[in-house]
Amino acid sequence: MDKQQSLDILNGYNKNTLMETLAIEFIDLGDDFITAKMPVNTKVHQPYGLLHGGATAALAETVGSCASAFLLKDSNKIVKGIELSINHLKSKKDGTVFATAKAIHEGKTTHLWEVKIVDEDDNLISLCKITNIVLDKK
């Protein structure tokens, strides 16, 4: 399967989910990373007109969880996030943010990802760490 087919599959999972509501779109992937983008507009603002930290966290968890699922390539397994840590370093009013997950640990039962969220000018907006557990499907 080529990269575009994989991205189409990942984006297909977003239908009727929070990811669709937030307009999250997967745009790139490789052997050790996955990247998605999210528009920054009034739909993801907090009351002061800035990017809501919860929307940023949802983007980070989406990218980190999908990275684990994509890494597994095993339909008998399911991935669930068990810990998310995020530091918001810079505010954002409009434009687009990009989240890239890179593996720190790829174990049999846990995966640890670093997710960097940057803007169009590569300014670091948030730095995240997500831990996922790999379970057998029931």
C-alpha atoms as a PDB file:
ATOM      1  CA  MET A   1       0.000   0.000   0.000  1.00  0.00           C
ATOM      2  CA  ASP A   2       1.393   3.408  -0.915  1.00  0.00           C
ATOM      3  CA  LYS A   3       1.478   6.494   1.314  1.00  0.00           C
ATOM      4  CA  GLN A   4      -1.580   8.167  -0.240  1.00  0.00           C
ATOM      5  CA  GLN A   5      -3.693   5.027   0.183  1.00  0.00           C
ATOM      6  CA  SER A   6      -2.659   4.858   3.848  1.00  0.00           C
ATOM      7  CA  LEU A   7      -3.535   8.530   4.380  1.00  0.00           C
ATOM      8  CA  ASP A   8      -6.910   7.998   2.689  1.00  0.00           C
ATOM      9  CA  ILE A   9      -7.650   5.101   5.045  1.00  0.00           C
ATOM     10  CA  LEU A  10      -6.612   7.111   8.120  1.00  0.00           C
ATOM     11  CA  ASN A  11      -8.717  10.096   7.055  1.00  0.00           C
ATOM     12  CA  GLY A  12     -11.647   7.765   6.374  1.00  0.00           C
ATOM     13  CA  TYR A  13     -11.707   6.811  10.056  1.00  0.00           C
ATOM     14  CA  ASN A  14     -12.452  10.458  10.949  1.00  0.00           C
ATOM     15  CA  LYS A  15     -16.023  10.366   9.601  1.00  0.00           C
ATOM     16  CA  ASN A  16     -18.640  11.119  12.286  1.00  0.00           C
ATOM     17  CA  THR A  17     -16.028  11.573  15.046  1.00  0.00           C
ATOM     18  CA  LEU A  18     -14.444  14.356  17.058  1.00  0.00           C
ATOM     19  CA  MET A  19     -11.678  14.402  14.452  1.00  0.00           C
ATOM     20  CA  GLU A  20     -14.202  15.365  11.769  1.00  0.00           C
ATOM     21  CA  THR A  21     -15.689  18.024  14.071  1.00  0.00           C
ATOM     22  CA  LEU A  22     -12.224  19.533  14.601  1.00  0.00           C
ATOM     23  CA  ALA A  23     -11.371  19.139  10.864  1.00  0.00           C
ATOM     24  CA  ILE A  24      -8.262  17.087  11.652  1.00  0.00           C
ATOM     25  CA  GLU A  25      -6.652  15.712   8.498  1.00  0.00           C
ATOM     26  CA  PHE A  26      -3.716  13.322   8.212  1.00  0.00           C
ATOM     27  CA  ILE A  27      -1.252  14.720   5.691  1.00  0.00           C
ATOM     28  CA  ASP A  28       1.992  12.721   5.929  1.00  0.00           C
ATOM     29  CA  LEU A  29       3.448   9.525   7.328  1.00  0.00           C
ATOM     30  CA  GLY A  30       6.640   7.539   7.241  1.00  0.00           C
ATOM     31  CA  ASP A  31       8.326   4.631   8.959  1.00  0.00           C
ATOM     32  CA  ASP A  32       8.787   6.564  12.211  1.00  0.00           C
ATOM     33  CA  PHE A  33       6.264   9.427  12.165  1.00  0.00           C
ATOM     34  CA  ILE A  34       2.745  10.535  11.309  1.00  0.00           C
ATOM     35  CA  THR A  35       1.527  14.120  10.782  1.00  0.00           C
ATOM     36  CA  ALA A  36      -1.928  15.685  10.831  1.00  0.00           C
ATOM     37  CA  LYS A  37      -3.145  19.254  10.563  1.00  0.00           C
ATOM     38  CA  MET A  38      -6.003  21.153  12.188  1.00  0.00           C
ATOM     39  CA  PRO A  39      -7.353  24.606  11.313  1.00  0.00           C
ATOM     40  CA  VAL A  40      -7.352  27.224  14.054  1.00  0.00           C
ATOM     41  CA  ASN A  41     -10.610  29.165  13.922  1.00  0.00           C
ATOM     42  CA  THR A  42     -13.580  29.994  16.131  1.00  0.00           C
ATOM     43  CA  LYS A  43     -14.603  26.318  16.275  1.00  0.00           C
ATOM     44  CA  VAL A  44     -11.476  25.501  18.320  1.00  0.00           C
ATOM     45  CA  HIS A  45     -11.141  28.769  20.259  1.00  0.00           C
ATOM     46  CA  GLN A  46     -11.505  29.279  23.979  1.00  0.00           C
ATOM     47  CA  PRO A  47     -13.360  32.431  25.183  1.00  0.00           C
ATOM     48  CA  TYR A  48     -10.303  34.694  24.687  1.00  0.00           C
ATOM     49  CA  GLY A  49     -10.174  33.903  20.970  1.00  0.00           C
ATOM     50  CA  LEU A  50      -7.156  31.586  21.230  1.00  0.00           C
ATOM     51  CA  LEU A  51      -6.646  27.930  20.351  1.00  0.00           C
ATOM     52  CA  HIS A  52      -8.242  25.857  23.123  1.00  0.00           C
ATOM     53  CA  GLY A  53      -5.819  23.557  24.955  1.00  0.00           C
ATOM     54  CA  GLY A  54      -8.403  20.777  24.831  1.00  0.00           C
ATOM     55  CA  ALA A  55      -8.546  20.954  21.030  1.00  0.00           C
ATOM     56  CA  THR A  56      -4.755  20.825  20.957  1.00  0.00           C
ATOM     57  CA  ALA A  57      -4.809  17.808  23.282  1.00  0.00           C
ATOM     58  CA  ALA A  58      -7.411  16.096  21.080  1.00  0.00           C
ATOM     59  CA  LEU A  59      -5.145  16.638  18.065  1.00  0.00           C
ATOM     60  CA  ALA A  60      -2.146  15.215  19.945  1.00  0.00           C
ATOM     61  CA  GLU A  61      -4.043  12.157  21.163  1.00  0.00           C
ATOM     62  CA  THR A  62      -5.483  11.558  17.695  1.00  0.00           C
ATOM     63  CA  VAL A  63      -2.058  11.580  16.050  1.00  0.00           C
ATOM     64  CA  GLY A  64      -0.368   9.524  18.788  1.00  0.00           C
ATOM     65  CA  SER A  65      -3.107   6.894  18.914  1.00  0.00           C
ATOM     66  CA  CYS A  66      -3.319   6.551  15.150  1.00  0.00           C
ATOM     67  CA  ALA A  67       0.460   6.241  15.003  1.00  0.00           C
ATOM     68  CA  SER A  68       0.290   3.245  17.365  1.00  0.00           C
ATOM     69  CA  ALA A  69      -2.547   1.634  15.428  1.00  0.00           C
ATOM     70  CA  PHE A  70      -0.738   2.181  12.130  1.00  0.00           C
ATOM     71  CA  LEU A  71       2.500   0.788  13.579  1.00  0.00           C
ATOM     72  CA  LEU A  72       0.754  -2.414  14.699  1.00  0.00           C
ATOM     73  CA  LYS A  73      -0.885  -3.372  11.401  1.00  0.00           C
ATOM     74  CA  ASP A  74      -2.707  -6.097  13.375  1.00  0.00           C
ATOM     75  CA  SER A  75      -6.512  -6.215  13.143  1.00  0.00           C
ATOM     76  CA  ASN A  76      -6.636  -8.420  16.268  1.00  0.00           C
ATOM     77  CA  LYS A  77      -5.248  -5.592  18.442  1.00  0.00           C
ATOM     78  CA  ILE A  78      -6.707  -2.321  19.670  1.00  0.00           C
ATOM     79  CA  VAL A  79      -4.882   0.748  20.935  1.00  0.00           C
ATOM     80  CA  LYS A  80      -6.070   2.906  23.800  1.00  0.00           C
ATOM     81  CA  GLY A  81      -4.450   6.024  25.189  1.00  0.00           C
ATOM     82  CA  ILE A  82      -3.641   5.674  28.881  1.00  0.00           C
ATOM     83  CA  GLU A  83      -1.727   8.889  29.542  1.00  0.00           C
ATOM     84  CA  LEU A  84      -1.443  12.261  27.844  1.00  0.00           C
ATOM     85  CA  SER A  85       0.875  15.015  29.016  1.00  0.00           C
ATOM     86  CA  ILE A  86       0.907  18.322  27.181  1.00  0.00           C
ATOM     87  CA  ASN A  87       2.700  21.625  27.616  1.00  0.00           C
ATOM     88  CA  HIS A  88       1.199  24.633  25.851  1.00  0.00           C
ATOM     89  CA  LEU A  89       4.077  26.928  24.967  1.00  0.00           C
ATOM     90  CA  LYS A  90       2.633  29.502  22.589  1.00  0.00           C
ATOM     91  CA  SER A  91      -0.857  30.751  21.781  1.00  0.00           C
ATOM     92  CA  LYS A  92      -2.435  30.756  18.338  1.00  0.00           C
ATOM     93  CA  LYS A  93      -5.420  32.794  17.058  1.00  0.00           C
ATOM     94  CA  ASP A  94      -5.846  31.580  13.492  1.00  0.00           C
ATOM     95  CA  GLY A  95      -4.218  29.603  10.709  1.00  0.00           C
ATOM     96  CA  THR A  96      -3.237  25.957  10.962  1.00  0.00           C
ATOM     97  CA  VAL A  97      -1.380  23.770  13.421  1.00  0.00           C
ATOM     98  CA  PHE A  98       0.501  20.604  12.501  1.00  0.00           C
ATOM     99  CA  ALA A  99       1.020  17.667  14.879  1.00  0.00           C
ATOM    100  CA  THR A 100       3.776  15.127  14.273  1.00  0.00           C
ATOM    101  CA  ALA A 101       4.084  11.988  16.388  1.00  0.00           C
ATOM    102  CA  LYS A 102       7.448  10.236  16.613  1.00  0.00           C
ATOM    103  CA  ALA A 103       7.987   6.992  18.458  1.00  0.00           C
ATOM    104  CA  ILE A 104      10.038   7.003  21.643  1.00  0.00           C
ATOM    105  CA  HIS A 105       9.223   3.399  22.652  1.00  0.00           C
ATOM    106  CA  GLU A 106       7.550   0.681  20.574  1.00  0.00           C
ATOM    107  CA  GLY A 107       6.957  -2.206  22.988  1.00  0.00           C
ATOM    108  CA  LYS A 108       4.647  -5.202  22.687  1.00  0.00           C
ATOM    109  CA  THR A 109       2.129  -3.796  25.151  1.00  0.00           C
ATOM    110  CA  THR A 110       2.922  -0.085  25.416  1.00  0.00           C
ATOM    111  CA  HIS A 111       3.927   2.616  22.979  1.00  0.00           C
ATOM    112  CA  LEU A 112       5.291   6.025  23.933  1.00  0.00           C
ATOM    113  CA  TRP A 113       5.088   8.911  21.445  1.00  0.00           C
ATOM    114  CA  GLU A 114       6.347  12.473  21.410  1.00  0.00           C
ATOM    115  CA  VAL A 115       3.959  14.801  19.601  1.00  0.00           C
ATOM    116  CA  LYS A 116       5.152  18.234  18.532  1.00  0.00           C
ATOM    117  CA  ILE A 117       2.518  20.731  17.487  1.00  0.00           C
ATOM    118  CA  VAL A 118       3.803  23.609  15.386  1.00  0.00           C
ATOM    119  CA  ASP A 119       2.295  26.404  13.317  1.00  0.00           C
ATOM    120  CA  GLU A 120       2.853  27.315   9.666  1.00  0.00           C
ATOM    121  CA  ASP A 121       6.146  29.033  10.559  1.00  0.00           C
ATOM    122  CA  ASP A 122       7.400  26.000  12.530  1.00  0.00           C
ATOM    123  CA  ASN A 123       6.904  27.777  15.886  1.00  0.00           C
ATOM    124  CA  LEU A 124       6.424  25.226  18.649  1.00  0.00           C
ATOM    125  CA  ILE A 125       2.876  25.621  19.993  1.00  0.00           C
ATOM    126  CA  SER A 126       2.666  22.535  22.249  1.00  0.00           C
ATOM    127  CA  LEU A 127       4.833  19.594  23.208  1.00  0.00           C
ATOM    128  CA  CYS A 128       3.079  16.375  24.143  1.00  0.00           C
ATOM    129  CA  LYS A 129       3.775  12.871  25.311  1.00  0.00           C
ATOM    130  CA  ILE A 130       1.231  10.081  24.900  1.00  0.00           C
ATOM    131  CA  THR A 131       1.371   6.540  26.219  1.00  0.00           C
ATOM    132  CA  ASN A 132      -0.812   3.910  24.551  1.00  0.00           C
ATOM    133  CA  ILE A 133      -1.609   0.397  25.652  1.00  0.00           C
ATOM    134  CA  VAL A 134      -1.943  -2.398  23.091  1.00  0.00           C
ATOM    135  CA  LEU A 135      -4.748  -4.847  23.884  1.00  0.00           C
ATOM    136  CA  ASP A 136      -6.329  -7.863  22.231  1.00  0.00           C
ATOM    137  CA  LYS A 137      -9.697  -7.092  20.657  1.00  0.00           C
ATOM    138  CA  LYS A 138     -12.599  -8.690  22.477  1.00  0.00           C
END
